[in-house]
Amino acid sequence: MNSRRKFLQNTALGGMLAGSSDFWIRQAAQFDRPEKNAFPVVIATWGPNLKANEAAWEVLSNGGRALDAVEAGVKVPEANPRDSSVGYGGFPDREGHVTLDACIMDEFGNAGSVSFLENIKHPISVARRVMEKTPHVMLSGEGALQFALSEGFPKEELLTDKARQAWEEWKIESNYKPKINVERHDTIGMVAIDAQQRIAGACTTSGLAFKMRGRVGDSPVIGAGMFVDNEVGGAAATGLGELVLRTLGSFLVVEEMRRGAHPQKAVEKAIRRIVQKYPKEVEENQVGFIALDKKGRHGAFGIHKGFNYVLYQRNENRVYEAGNVLG
């Protein structure tokens, strides 16, 4: 651990954080070139989300709206009982309750969000209803649940046998230490641009396993877990939400693109800012960002090795490994 900290202080905060990677410096002349035949396109965090991308692509390839695509895409892991960190099947808080956070944003800058929501399998769809049917951006807890029920969403038990067993095993020691490492994926964030170049984003999660009751991370917060601007592009985050919240990472990525940065350089900037500000917390915690700009270019970057993402573009759905700061 001491050697890791020394590396962070002497290396990461020095030369590694001073500028962009050599690769992107060499590629700088290409940054202003739009991608050919780039649209539609969809990007999502984490390799296991190939099927989520496929669901989004089905909407996009039929001329559909990006907003419909991202909702359809992230509903796939929300409904997957084998996914322990998104929706149904998600690990509970330390009191045994599965609580969900989600947000969605469209090409007009409209946004909807729910946090601390229980017993609703698809929080992303509730977030969209908040956006489209209320004057608010975010509903939380009991209020979010009552709104969902009034909109016809069924109340369901989300704690699966697998998640319950994991919780029971955790309770033996009840050692609460928030930790998102390089092996464990969590939140799905997704950004899509349709054939008409309308952009939308979505983000959904069940949050940290065995978290404190009432904890809300970055995923439902517009500008933290996800942000899009139809003039510029969009970004989404994954990993330890507290680090993303403190830096409004997705908003930062989009603003860097607004200033002319390639999406890759923008996500690198956001990750380096986190590492600079919170060197001790990043030793054992992962954060990753994905981004798309209106030229159809993309970027992805993480604190540690192990962050990957899925890109569906030019009729090809592929998993890519993202770069990282700390190895």
C-alpha atoms as a PDB file:
ATOM      1  CA  MET A   1       0.000   0.000   0.000  1.00  0.00           C
ATOM      2  CA  ASN A   2       2.846   2.386   0.845  1.00  0.00           C
ATOM      3  CA  SER A   3       4.484   1.758  -2.492  1.00  0.00           C
ATOM      4  CA  ARG A   4       1.127   2.379  -4.192  1.00  0.00           C
ATOM      5  CA  ARG A   5       0.743   5.689  -2.393  1.00  0.00           C
ATOM      6  CA  LYS A   6       4.290   6.683  -3.226  1.00  0.00           C
ATOM      7  CA  PHE A   7       3.599   5.914  -6.869  1.00  0.00           C
ATOM      8  CA  LEU A   8       0.486   8.088  -6.799  1.00  0.00           C
ATOM      9  CA  GLN A   9       2.290  11.004  -5.216  1.00  0.00           C
ATOM     10  CA  ASN A  10       5.548  10.879  -7.091  1.00  0.00           C
ATOM     11  CA  THR A  11       4.441   9.614 -10.484  1.00  0.00           C
ATOM     12  CA  ALA A  12       0.736  10.079 -11.111  1.00  0.00           C
ATOM     13  CA  LEU A  13       0.693  13.561  -9.681  1.00  0.00           C
ATOM     14  CA  GLY A  14       3.794  14.449 -11.600  1.00  0.00           C
ATOM     15  CA  GLY A  15       4.619  13.501 -15.124  1.00  0.00           C
ATOM     16  CA  MET A  16       1.644  11.253 -15.823  1.00  0.00           C
ATOM     17  CA  LEU A  17      -0.834  13.985 -15.005  1.00  0.00           C
ATOM     18  CA  ALA A  18       0.997  16.747 -16.793  1.00  0.00           C
ATOM     19  CA  GLY A  19      -0.362  16.105 -20.251  1.00  0.00           C
ATOM     20  CA  SER A  20      -2.131  13.775 -22.622  1.00  0.00           C
ATOM     21  CA  SER A  21      -0.800  10.348 -23.496  1.00  0.00           C
ATOM     22  CA  ASP A  22       1.798  10.082 -26.216  1.00  0.00           C
ATOM     23  CA  PHE A  23      -0.678   8.222 -28.373  1.00  0.00           C
ATOM     24  CA  TRP A  24      -3.168  11.068 -28.370  1.00  0.00           C
ATOM     25  CA  ILE A  25      -0.444  13.632 -28.921  1.00  0.00           C
ATOM     26  CA  ARG A  26       0.604  11.721 -32.041  1.00  0.00           C
ATOM     27  CA  GLN A  27      -3.013  11.589 -33.146  1.00  0.00           C
ATOM     28  CA  ALA A  28      -3.736  15.276 -32.463  1.00  0.00           C
ATOM     29  CA  ALA A  29      -3.809  16.145 -36.163  1.00  0.00           C
ATOM     30  CA  GLN A  30      -6.771  13.796 -36.603  1.00  0.00           C
ATOM     31  CA  PHE A  31      -8.873  15.113 -33.703  1.00  0.00           C
ATOM     32  CA  ASP A  32     -10.852  17.595 -35.765  1.00  0.00           C
ATOM     33  CA  ARG A  33     -11.831  15.076 -38.416  1.00  0.00           C
ATOM     34  CA  PRO A  34     -15.426  13.836 -38.160  1.00  0.00           C
ATOM     35  CA  GLU A  35     -15.911  10.099 -38.272  1.00  0.00           C
ATOM     36  CA  LYS A  36     -17.127   8.750 -41.615  1.00  0.00           C
ATOM     37  CA  ASN A  37     -20.560   7.120 -41.626  1.00  0.00           C
ATOM     38  CA  ALA A  38     -20.615   7.682 -37.882  1.00  0.00           C
ATOM     39  CA  PHE A  39     -24.347   7.758 -37.250  1.00  0.00           C
ATOM     40  CA  PRO A  40     -26.192   6.203 -35.639  1.00  0.00           C
ATOM     41  CA  VAL A  41     -23.890   5.286 -32.776  1.00  0.00           C
ATOM     42  CA  VAL A  42     -24.275   4.084 -29.202  1.00  0.00           C
ATOM     43  CA  ILE A  43     -21.703   3.634 -26.443  1.00  0.00           C
ATOM     44  CA  ALA A  44     -22.141   2.020 -23.030  1.00  0.00           C
ATOM     45  CA  THR A  45     -19.990   1.315 -20.013  1.00  0.00           C
ATOM     46  CA  TRP A  46     -18.705  -2.213 -19.387  1.00  0.00           C
ATOM     47  CA  GLY A  47     -18.251  -5.162 -21.721  1.00  0.00           C
ATOM     48  CA  PRO A  48     -21.122  -7.274 -20.345  1.00  0.00           C
ATOM     49  CA  ASN A  49     -23.523  -4.717 -21.805  1.00  0.00           C
ATOM     50  CA  LEU A  50     -23.298  -5.945 -25.412  1.00  0.00           C
ATOM     51  CA  LYS A  51     -26.974  -6.921 -25.256  1.00  0.00           C
ATOM     52  CA  ALA A  52     -27.896  -3.504 -23.941  1.00  0.00           C
ATOM     53  CA  ASN A  53     -26.179  -1.953 -26.931  1.00  0.00           C
ATOM     54  CA  GLU A  54     -28.019  -4.374 -29.223  1.00  0.00           C
ATOM     55  CA  ALA A  55     -31.369  -3.247 -27.816  1.00  0.00           C
ATOM     56  CA  ALA A  56     -30.439   0.382 -28.336  1.00  0.00           C
ATOM     57  CA  TRP A  57     -29.158  -0.319 -31.854  1.00  0.00           C
ATOM     58  CA  GLU A  58     -32.423  -1.982 -32.801  1.00  0.00           C
ATOM     59  CA  VAL A  59     -34.163   1.334 -32.170  1.00  0.00           C
ATOM     60  CA  LEU A  60     -31.487   3.397 -33.888  1.00  0.00           C
ATOM     61  CA  SER A  61     -31.142   1.178 -36.966  1.00  0.00           C
ATOM     62  CA  ASN A  62     -34.864   1.545 -37.626  1.00  0.00           C
ATOM     63  CA  GLY A  63     -34.617   5.327 -37.662  1.00  0.00           C
ATOM     64  CA  GLY A  64     -35.702   5.706 -34.039  1.00  0.00           C
ATOM     65  CA  ARG A  65     -34.974   8.473 -31.599  1.00  0.00           C
ATOM     66  CA  ALA A  66     -31.864   8.377 -29.434  1.00  0.00           C
ATOM     67  CA  LEU A  67     -33.983   8.867 -26.306  1.00  0.00           C
ATOM     68  CA  ASP A  68     -35.962   5.709 -27.024  1.00  0.00           C
ATOM     69  CA  ALA A  69     -32.731   3.870 -27.771  1.00  0.00           C
ATOM     70  CA  VAL A  70     -30.995   4.619 -24.482  1.00  0.00           C
ATOM     71  CA  GLU A  71     -34.103   3.776 -22.488  1.00  0.00           C
ATOM     72  CA  ALA A  72     -34.472   0.442 -24.289  1.00  0.00           C
ATOM     73  CA  GLY A  73     -30.773  -0.262 -23.905  1.00  0.00           C
ATOM     74  CA  VAL A  74     -30.375   0.219 -20.173  1.00  0.00           C
ATOM     75  CA  LYS A  75     -33.612  -1.645 -19.439  1.00  0.00           C
ATOM     76  CA  VAL A  76     -31.765  -4.831 -20.413  1.00  0.00           C
ATOM     77  CA  PRO A  77     -29.461  -4.938 -17.364  1.00  0.00           C
ATOM     78  CA  GLU A  78     -32.202  -3.455 -15.188  1.00  0.00           C
ATOM     79  CA  ALA A  79     -34.235  -6.617 -15.808  1.00  0.00           C
ATOM     80  CA  ASN A  80     -31.334  -9.073 -15.562  1.00  0.00           C
ATOM     81  CA  PRO A  81     -31.400 -10.975 -12.243  1.00  0.00           C
ATOM     82  CA  ARG A  82     -27.772 -12.035 -12.789  1.00  0.00           C
ATOM     83  CA  ASP A  83     -26.570  -8.426 -12.765  1.00  0.00           C
ATOM     84  CA  SER A  84     -25.774  -7.666  -9.131  1.00  0.00           C
ATOM     85  CA  SER A  85     -25.353  -3.921  -9.539  1.00  0.00           C
ATOM     86  CA  VAL A  86     -28.217  -2.722 -11.753  1.00  0.00           C
ATOM     87  CA  GLY A  87     -31.920  -3.059 -10.948  1.00  0.00           C
ATOM     88  CA  TYR A  88     -33.524  -6.460 -10.409  1.00  0.00           C
ATOM     89  CA  GLY A  89     -30.896  -8.673  -8.831  1.00  0.00           C
ATOM     90  CA  GLY A  90     -28.903  -5.751  -7.503  1.00  0.00           C
ATOM     91  CA  PHE A  91     -27.271  -6.206  -4.117  1.00  0.00           C
ATOM     92  CA  PRO A  92     -29.197  -4.468  -1.324  1.00  0.00           C
ATOM     93  CA  ASP A  93     -28.190  -1.830   1.181  1.00  0.00           C
ATOM     94  CA  ARG A  94     -26.964  -2.960   4.579  1.00  0.00           C
ATOM     95  CA  GLU A  95     -30.551  -3.280   5.821  1.00  0.00           C
ATOM     96  CA  GLY A  96     -31.530  -5.598   2.990  1.00  0.00           C
ATOM     97  CA  HIS A  97     -33.385  -3.154   0.731  1.00  0.00           C
ATOM     98  CA  VAL A  98     -32.677  -2.823  -2.995  1.00  0.00           C
ATOM     99  CA  THR A  99     -32.745   0.890  -3.809  1.00  0.00           C
ATOM    100  CA  LEU A 100     -32.331   2.222  -7.321  1.00  0.00           C
ATOM    101  CA  ASP A 101     -31.077   5.423  -8.947  1.00  0.00           C
ATOM    102  CA  ALA A 102     -31.449   6.475 -12.586  1.00  0.00           C
ATOM    103  CA  CYS A 103     -31.487   9.486 -14.870  1.00  0.00           C
ATOM    104  CA  ILE A 104     -32.213  10.235 -18.517  1.00  0.00           C
ATOM    105  CA  MET A 105     -31.699  13.283 -20.739  1.00  0.00           C
ATOM    106  CA  ASP A 106     -32.867  14.164 -24.254  1.00  0.00           C
ATOM    107  CA  GLU A 107     -31.682  16.295 -27.153  1.00  0.00           C
ATOM    108  CA  PHE A 108     -33.580  19.349 -25.925  1.00  0.00           C
ATOM    109  CA  GLY A 109     -31.836  19.424 -22.568  1.00  0.00           C
ATOM    110  CA  ASN A 110     -34.836  17.974 -20.738  1.00  0.00           C
ATOM    111  CA  ALA A 111     -33.937  15.624 -17.909  1.00  0.00           C
ATOM    112  CA  GLY A 112     -35.608  13.276 -15.463  1.00  0.00           C
ATOM    113  CA  SER A 113     -34.278  11.392 -12.482  1.00  0.00           C
ATOM    114  CA  VAL A 114     -35.238   9.130  -9.608  1.00  0.00           C
ATOM    115  CA  SER A 115     -33.237   8.269  -6.525  1.00  0.00           C
ATOM    116  CA  PHE A 116     -33.695   5.940  -3.557  1.00  0.00           C
ATOM    117  CA  LEU A 117     -36.503   4.186  -5.442  1.00  0.00           C
ATOM    118  CA  GLU A 118     -37.666   0.740  -4.271  1.00  0.00           C
ATOM    119  CA  ASN A 119     -39.771  -2.056  -5.781  1.00  0.00           C
ATOM    120  CA  ILE A 120     -39.801  -0.780  -9.385  1.00  0.00           C
ATOM    121  CA  LYS A 121     -37.897  -2.887 -11.909  1.00  0.00           C
ATOM    122  CA  HIS A 122     -37.274  -0.122 -14.454  1.00  0.00           C
ATOM    123  CA  PRO A 123     -36.258   3.119 -12.742  1.00  0.00           C
ATOM    124  CA  ILE A 124     -35.049   4.518 -16.077  1.00  0.00           C
ATOM    125  CA  SER A 125     -38.618   4.516 -17.387  1.00  0.00           C
ATOM    126  CA  VAL A 126     -39.846   6.227 -14.233  1.00  0.00           C
ATOM    127  CA  ALA A 127     -37.130   8.854 -14.712  1.00  0.00           C
ATOM    128  CA  ARG A 128     -38.385   9.444 -18.236  1.00  0.00           C
ATOM    129  CA  ARG A 129     -41.930   9.932 -16.928  1.00  0.00           C
ATOM    130  CA  VAL A 130     -40.603  12.451 -14.409  1.00  0.00           C
ATOM    131  CA  MET A 131     -39.025  14.318 -17.311  1.00  0.00           C
ATOM    132  CA  GLU A 132     -42.074  14.196 -19.547  1.00  0.00           C
ATOM    133  CA  LYS A 133     -44.978  14.424 -17.087  1.00  0.00           C
ATOM    134  CA  THR A 134     -43.856  16.590 -14.178  1.00  0.00           C
ATOM    135  CA  PRO A 135     -42.356  20.072 -13.794  1.00  0.00           C
ATOM    136  CA  HIS A 136     -39.467  18.532 -11.849  1.00  0.00           C
ATOM    137  CA  VAL A 137     -36.150  16.896 -12.660  1.00  0.00           C
ATOM    138  CA  MET A 138     -35.780  14.532  -9.694  1.00  0.00           C
ATOM    139  CA  LEU A 139     -38.119  12.570  -7.457  1.00  0.00           C
ATOM    140  CA  SER A 140     -36.824  10.529  -4.547  1.00  0.00           C
ATOM    141  CA  GLY A 141     -37.791   7.765  -2.146  1.00  0.00           C
ATOM    142  CA  GLU A 142     -41.428   7.340  -1.246  1.00  0.00           C
ATOM    143  CA  GLY A 143     -42.439  10.193  -3.536  1.00  0.00           C
ATOM    144  CA  ALA A 144     -40.746   8.559  -6.508  1.00  0.00           C
ATOM    145  CA  LEU A 145     -42.446   5.259  -5.679  1.00  0.00           C
ATOM    146  CA  GLN A 146     -45.889   6.826  -5.394  1.00  0.00           C
ATOM    147  CA  PHE A 147     -45.389   8.598  -8.710  1.00  0.00           C
ATOM    148  CA  ALA A 148     -44.298   5.343 -10.371  1.00  0.00           C
ATOM    149  CA  LEU A 149     -47.356   3.516  -9.051  1.00  0.00           C
ATOM    150  CA  SER A 150     -49.636   6.315 -10.228  1.00  0.00           C
ATOM    151  CA  GLU A 151     -48.122   5.908 -13.694  1.00  0.00           C
ATOM    152  CA  GLY A 152     -48.981   2.213 -13.744  1.00  0.00           C
ATOM    153  CA  PHE A 153     -45.608   0.681 -12.927  1.00  0.00           C
ATOM    154  CA  PRO A 154     -46.098  -2.571 -10.987  1.00  0.00           C
ATOM    155  CA  LYS A 155     -44.661  -2.941  -7.508  1.00  0.00           C
ATOM    156  CA  GLU A 156     -42.258  -5.888  -7.473  1.00  0.00           C
ATOM    157  CA  GLU A 157     -39.809  -7.632  -5.155  1.00  0.00           C
ATOM    158  CA  LEU A 158     -36.321  -6.903  -6.466  1.00  0.00           C
ATOM    159  CA  LEU A 159     -34.235  -8.836  -3.949  1.00  0.00           C
ATOM    160  CA  THR A 160     -33.314 -12.118  -5.631  1.00  0.00           C
ATOM    161  CA  ASP A 161     -32.244 -15.258  -3.796  1.00  0.00           C
ATOM    162  CA  LYS A 162     -28.660 -14.717  -4.953  1.00  0.00           C
ATOM    163  CA  ALA A 163     -28.598 -11.133  -3.687  1.00  0.00           C
ATOM    164  CA  ARG A 164     -30.221 -12.141  -0.398  1.00  0.00           C
ATOM    165  CA  GLN A 165     -27.600 -14.834   0.139  1.00  0.00           C
ATOM    166  CA  ALA A 166     -24.794 -12.336  -0.520  1.00  0.00           C
ATOM    167  CA  TRP A 167     -26.365  -9.971   1.996  1.00  0.00           C
ATOM    168  CA  GLU A 168     -26.711 -12.695   4.615  1.00  0.00           C
ATOM    169  CA  GLU A 169     -23.043 -13.576   4.178  1.00  0.00           C
ATOM    170  CA  TRP A 170     -22.040  -9.924   4.427  1.00  0.00           C
ATOM    171  CA  LYS A 171     -23.984  -9.527   7.695  1.00  0.00           C
ATOM    172  CA  ILE A 172     -21.721 -12.041   9.453  1.00  0.00           C
ATOM    173  CA  GLU A 173     -19.063  -9.347   9.758  1.00  0.00           C
ATOM    174  CA  SER A 174     -21.032  -6.293   8.552  1.00  0.00           C
ATOM    175  CA  ASN A 175     -17.818  -4.632   7.460  1.00  0.00           C
ATOM    176  CA  TYR A 176     -18.974  -1.540   5.618  1.00  0.00           C
ATOM    177  CA  LYS A 177     -16.256  -0.139   3.429  1.00  0.00           C
ATOM    178  CA  PRO A 178     -17.281   1.405   0.113  1.00  0.00           C
ATOM    179  CA  LYS A 179     -14.938  -0.022  -2.470  1.00  0.00           C
ATOM    180  CA  ILE A 180     -15.207  -0.155  -6.233  1.00  0.00           C
ATOM    181  CA  ASN A 181     -12.195  -1.980  -7.582  1.00  0.00           C
ATOM    182  CA  VAL A 182     -11.026  -2.900 -11.038  1.00  0.00           C
ATOM    183  CA  GLU A 183     -12.678  -6.321 -11.045  1.00  0.00           C
ATOM    184  CA  ARG A 184     -16.254  -5.289 -10.319  1.00  0.00           C
ATOM    185  CA  HIS A 185     -18.456  -3.508 -12.810  1.00  0.00           C
ATOM    186  CA  ASP A 186     -21.503  -1.594 -11.663  1.00  0.00           C
ATOM    187  CA  THR A 187     -23.495   1.264 -13.180  1.00  0.00           C
ATOM    188  CA  ILE A 188     -24.493   1.211 -16.830  1.00  0.00           C
ATOM    189  CA  GLY A 189     -24.148   4.577 -18.518  1.00  0.00           C
ATOM    190  CA  MET A 190     -25.175   4.928 -22.146  1.00  0.00           C
ATOM    191  CA  VAL A 191     -25.009   7.707 -24.746  1.00  0.00           C
ATOM    192  CA  ALA A 192     -26.512   7.486 -28.242  1.00  0.00           C
ATOM    193  CA  ILE A 193     -26.747   9.663 -31.334  1.00  0.00           C
ATOM    194  CA  ASP A 194     -29.387   8.708 -33.872  1.00  0.00           C
ATOM    195  CA  ALA A 195     -29.442   9.078 -37.656  1.00  0.00           C
ATOM    196  CA  GLN A 196     -30.879  12.586 -37.291  1.00  0.00           C
ATOM    197  CA  GLN A 197     -27.970  13.399 -34.948  1.00  0.00           C
ATOM    198  CA  ARG A 198     -30.189  13.772 -31.899  1.00  0.00           C
ATOM    199  CA  ILE A 199     -28.339  12.855 -28.742  1.00  0.00           C
ATOM    200  CA  ALA A 200     -29.585  11.293 -25.508  1.00  0.00           C
ATOM    201  CA  GLY A 201     -28.121   9.629 -22.443  1.00  0.00           C
ATOM    202  CA  ALA A 202     -29.162   7.339 -19.617  1.00  0.00           C
ATOM    203  CA  CYS A 203     -27.638   6.008 -16.431  1.00  0.00           C
ATOM    204  CA  THR A 204     -29.024   3.448 -13.977  1.00  0.00           C
ATOM    205  CA  THR A 205     -27.762   1.474 -10.966  1.00  0.00           C
ATOM    206  CA  SER A 206     -28.583  -0.201  -7.685  1.00  0.00           C
ATOM    207  CA  GLY A 207     -25.549   1.517  -6.215  1.00  0.00           C
ATOM    208  CA  LEU A 208     -22.908   0.284  -3.825  1.00  0.00           C
ATOM    209  CA  ALA A 209     -23.532  -3.139  -2.359  1.00  0.00           C
ATOM    210  CA  PHE A 210     -24.469  -2.985   1.336  1.00  0.00           C
ATOM    211  CA  LYS A 211     -24.376   0.814   1.336  1.00  0.00           C
ATOM    212  CA  MET A 212     -25.764   2.894   4.177  1.00  0.00           C
ATOM    213  CA  ARG A 213     -29.539   3.224   4.093  1.00  0.00           C
ATOM    214  CA  GLY A 214     -30.409   6.300   2.040  1.00  0.00           C
ATOM    215  CA  ARG A 215     -27.087   6.588   0.221  1.00  0.00           C
ATOM    216  CA  VAL A 216     -27.399   8.057  -3.273  1.00  0.00           C
ATOM    217  CA  GLY A 217     -24.503   8.112  -5.690  1.00  0.00           C
ATOM    218  CA  ASP A 218     -23.779  10.003  -8.883  1.00  0.00           C
ATOM    219  CA  SER A 219     -26.029   7.999 -11.210  1.00  0.00           C
ATOM    220  CA  PRO A 220     -29.257  10.024 -10.810  1.00  0.00           C
ATOM    221  CA  VAL A 221     -27.475  13.396 -10.746  1.00  0.00           C
ATOM    222  CA  ILE A 222     -27.526  15.284 -14.031  1.00  0.00           C
ATOM    223  CA  GLY A 223     -23.971  16.419 -14.747  1.00  0.00           C
ATOM    224  CA  ALA A 224     -22.396  13.772 -12.535  1.00  0.00           C
ATOM    225  CA  GLY A 225     -23.463  10.298 -13.648  1.00  0.00           C
ATOM    226  CA  MET A 226     -24.509  11.488 -17.104  1.00  0.00           C
ATOM    227  CA  PHE A 227     -24.833  14.669 -19.153  1.00  0.00           C
ATOM    228  CA  VAL A 228     -25.615  15.457 -22.788  1.00  0.00           C
ATOM    229  CA  ASP A 229     -25.756  18.642 -24.820  1.00  0.00           C
ATOM    230  CA  ASN A 230     -27.108  18.381 -28.354  1.00  0.00           C
ATOM    231  CA  GLU A 231     -24.681  21.032 -29.596  1.00  0.00           C
ATOM    232  CA  VAL A 232     -21.645  19.194 -28.292  1.00  0.00           C
ATOM    233  CA  GLY A 233     -21.996  15.559 -27.234  1.00  0.00           C
ATOM    234  CA  GLY A 234     -22.513  13.475 -24.147  1.00  0.00           C
ATOM    235  CA  ALA A 235     -20.758  11.563 -21.402  1.00  0.00           C
ATOM    236  CA  ALA A 236     -21.500   9.019 -18.684  1.00  0.00           C
ATOM    237  CA  ALA A 237     -19.657   7.774 -15.628  1.00  0.00           C
ATOM    238  CA  THR A 238     -19.219   4.535 -13.733  1.00  0.00           C
ATOM    239  CA  GLY A 239     -17.403   3.592 -10.562  1.00  0.00           C
ATOM    240  CA  LEU A 240     -17.355   5.129  -7.087  1.00  0.00           C
ATOM    241  CA  GLY A 241     -20.091   7.750  -7.259  1.00  0.00           C
ATOM    242  CA  GLU A 242     -18.718   9.928  -4.474  1.00  0.00           C
ATOM    243  CA  LEU A 243     -15.651  10.736  -6.574  1.00  0.00           C
ATOM    244  CA  VAL A 244     -17.795  11.590  -9.597  1.00  0.00           C
ATOM    245  CA  LEU A 245     -20.178  13.725  -7.554  1.00  0.00           C
ATOM    246  CA  ARG A 246     -17.376  15.848  -6.142  1.00  0.00           C
ATOM    247  CA  THR A 247     -16.113  16.712  -9.609  1.00  0.00           C
ATOM    248  CA  LEU A 248     -19.331  16.679 -11.702  1.00  0.00           C
ATOM    249  CA  GLY A 249     -17.349  14.505 -14.041  1.00  0.00           C
ATOM    250  CA  SER A 250     -19.772  14.033 -16.937  1.00  0.00           C
ATOM    251  CA  PHE A 251     -20.459  17.757 -17.156  1.00  0.00           C
ATOM    252  CA  LEU A 252     -16.723  18.400 -17.135  1.00  0.00           C
ATOM    253  CA  VAL A 253     -16.225  15.995 -20.038  1.00  0.00           C
ATOM    254  CA  VAL A 254     -18.905  17.705 -22.124  1.00  0.00           C
ATOM    255  CA  GLU A 255     -17.532  21.151 -21.336  1.00  0.00           C
ATOM    256  CA  GLU A 256     -14.068  20.052 -22.398  1.00  0.00           C
ATOM    257  CA  MET A 257     -15.546  18.893 -25.698  1.00  0.00           C
ATOM    258  CA  ARG A 258     -17.337  22.230 -26.005  1.00  0.00           C
ATOM    259  CA  ARG A 259     -13.932  23.908 -25.788  1.00  0.00           C
ATOM    260  CA  GLY A 260     -12.785  21.799 -28.715  1.00  0.00           C
ATOM    261  CA  ALA A 261     -11.268  18.745 -27.042  1.00  0.00           C
ATOM    262  CA  HIS A 262     -11.549  15.337 -28.654  1.00  0.00           C
ATOM    263  CA  PRO A 263     -13.728  13.022 -26.497  1.00  0.00           C
ATOM    264  CA  GLN A 264     -10.656  10.985 -25.573  1.00  0.00           C
ATOM    265  CA  LYS A 265      -8.782  14.005 -24.299  1.00  0.00           C
ATOM    266  CA  ALA A 266     -11.909  15.158 -22.455  1.00  0.00           C
ATOM    267  CA  VAL A 267     -12.349  11.912 -20.511  1.00  0.00           C
ATOM    268  CA  GLU A 268      -8.666  11.834 -19.687  1.00  0.00           C
ATOM    269  CA  LYS A 269      -8.969  15.330 -18.247  1.00  0.00           C
ATOM    270  CA  ALA A 270     -11.866  14.280 -16.017  1.00  0.00           C
ATOM    271  CA  ILE A 271     -10.035  11.212 -14.694  1.00  0.00           C
ATOM    272  CA  ARG A 272      -6.836  13.106 -14.038  1.00  0.00           C
ATOM    273  CA  ARG A 273      -8.735  15.727 -12.087  1.00  0.00           C
ATOM    274  CA  ILE A 274     -10.125  13.042  -9.771  1.00  0.00           C
ATOM    275  CA  VAL A 275      -6.684  11.512  -9.266  1.00  0.00           C
ATOM    276  CA  GLN A 276      -5.137  14.891  -8.562  1.00  0.00           C
ATOM    277  CA  LYS A 277      -7.760  15.871  -6.002  1.00  0.00           C
ATOM    278  CA  TYR A 278      -8.263  12.524  -4.240  1.00  0.00           C
ATOM    279  CA  PRO A 279      -4.984  10.556  -4.458  1.00  0.00           C
ATOM    280  CA  LYS A 280      -5.656   8.344  -1.424  1.00  0.00           C
ATOM    281  CA  GLU A 281      -9.216   7.418  -2.415  1.00  0.00           C
ATOM    282  CA  VAL A 282      -8.268   6.356  -5.919  1.00  0.00           C
ATOM    283  CA  GLU A 283      -5.814   3.745  -4.690  1.00  0.00           C
ATOM    284  CA  GLU A 284      -8.548   1.114  -4.368  1.00  0.00           C
ATOM    285  CA  ASN A 285     -11.433   2.682  -6.271  1.00  0.00           C
ATOM    286  CA  GLN A 286     -12.277   2.791  -9.942  1.00  0.00           C
ATOM    287  CA  VAL A 287     -13.956   5.528 -11.971  1.00  0.00           C
ATOM    288  CA  GLY A 288     -14.432   5.416 -15.724  1.00  0.00           C
ATOM    289  CA  PHE A 289     -15.930   7.777 -18.280  1.00  0.00           C
ATOM    290  CA  ILE A 290     -17.278   7.275 -21.782  1.00  0.00           C
ATOM    291  CA  ALA A 291     -18.041  10.066 -24.241  1.00  0.00           C
ATOM    292  CA  LEU A 292     -19.401  10.780 -27.726  1.00  0.00           C
ATOM    293  CA  ASP A 293     -19.229  14.045 -29.622  1.00  0.00           C
ATOM    294  CA  LYS A 294     -21.402  15.364 -32.441  1.00  0.00           C
ATOM    295  CA  LYS A 295     -18.789  14.363 -34.994  1.00  0.00           C
ATOM    296  CA  GLY A 296     -19.299  10.726 -34.062  1.00  0.00           C
ATOM    297  CA  ARG A 297     -15.985  10.398 -32.260  1.00  0.00           C
ATOM    298  CA  HIS A 298     -15.719   8.656 -28.914  1.00  0.00           C
ATOM    299  CA  GLY A 299     -13.467   8.346 -25.902  1.00  0.00           C
ATOM    300  CA  ALA A 300     -13.129   6.225 -22.767  1.00  0.00           C
ATOM    301  CA  PHE A 301     -10.719   6.286 -19.846  1.00  0.00           C
ATOM    302  CA  GLY A 302     -10.436   4.967 -16.282  1.00  0.00           C
ATOM    303  CA  ILE A 303      -8.364   5.338 -13.167  1.00  0.00           C
ATOM    304  CA  HIS A 304      -7.233   1.709 -13.158  1.00  0.00           C
ATOM    305  CA  LYS A 305      -6.738  -0.975 -15.735  1.00  0.00           C
ATOM    306  CA  GLY A 306      -9.852  -3.091 -16.239  1.00  0.00           C
ATOM    307  CA  PHE A 307     -12.421  -0.556 -17.381  1.00  0.00           C
ATOM    308  CA  ASN A 308     -13.962  -1.502 -20.715  1.00  0.00           C
ATOM    309  CA  TYR A 309     -16.859  -0.288 -22.817  1.00  0.00           C
ATOM    310  CA  VAL A 310     -19.094  -1.279 -25.709  1.00  0.00           C
ATOM    311  CA  LEU A 311     -19.376   0.701 -28.942  1.00  0.00           C
ATOM    312  CA  TYR A 312     -21.953   0.001 -31.654  1.00  0.00           C
ATOM    313  CA  GLN A 313     -21.067   1.910 -34.822  1.00  0.00           C
ATOM    314  CA  ARG A 314     -21.088   1.089 -38.542  1.00  0.00           C
ATOM    315  CA  ASN A 315     -23.130  -2.053 -37.846  1.00  0.00           C
ATOM    316  CA  GLU A 316     -20.483  -3.480 -35.509  1.00  0.00           C
ATOM    317  CA  ASN A 317     -20.951  -4.038 -31.768  1.00  0.00           C
ATOM    318  CA  ARG A 318     -17.577  -4.437 -30.037  1.00  0.00           C
ATOM    319  CA  VAL A 319     -16.006  -4.400 -26.599  1.00  0.00           C
ATOM    320  CA  TYR A 320     -12.949  -2.180 -26.180  1.00  0.00           C
ATOM    321  CA  GLU A 321     -10.492  -1.817 -23.328  1.00  0.00           C
ATOM    322  CA  ALA A 322     -10.118   1.737 -22.104  1.00  0.00           C
ATOM    323  CA  GLY A 323      -6.847   3.392 -21.202  1.00  0.00           C
ATOM    324  CA  ASN A 324      -6.028   4.290 -17.611  1.00  0.00           C
ATOM    325  CA  VAL A 325      -3.849   6.488 -15.437  1.00  0.00           C
ATOM    326  CA  LEU A 326      -2.604   4.126 -12.759  1.00  0.00           C
ATOM    327  CA  GLY A 327      -2.321   0.759 -14.457  1.00  0.00           C
END
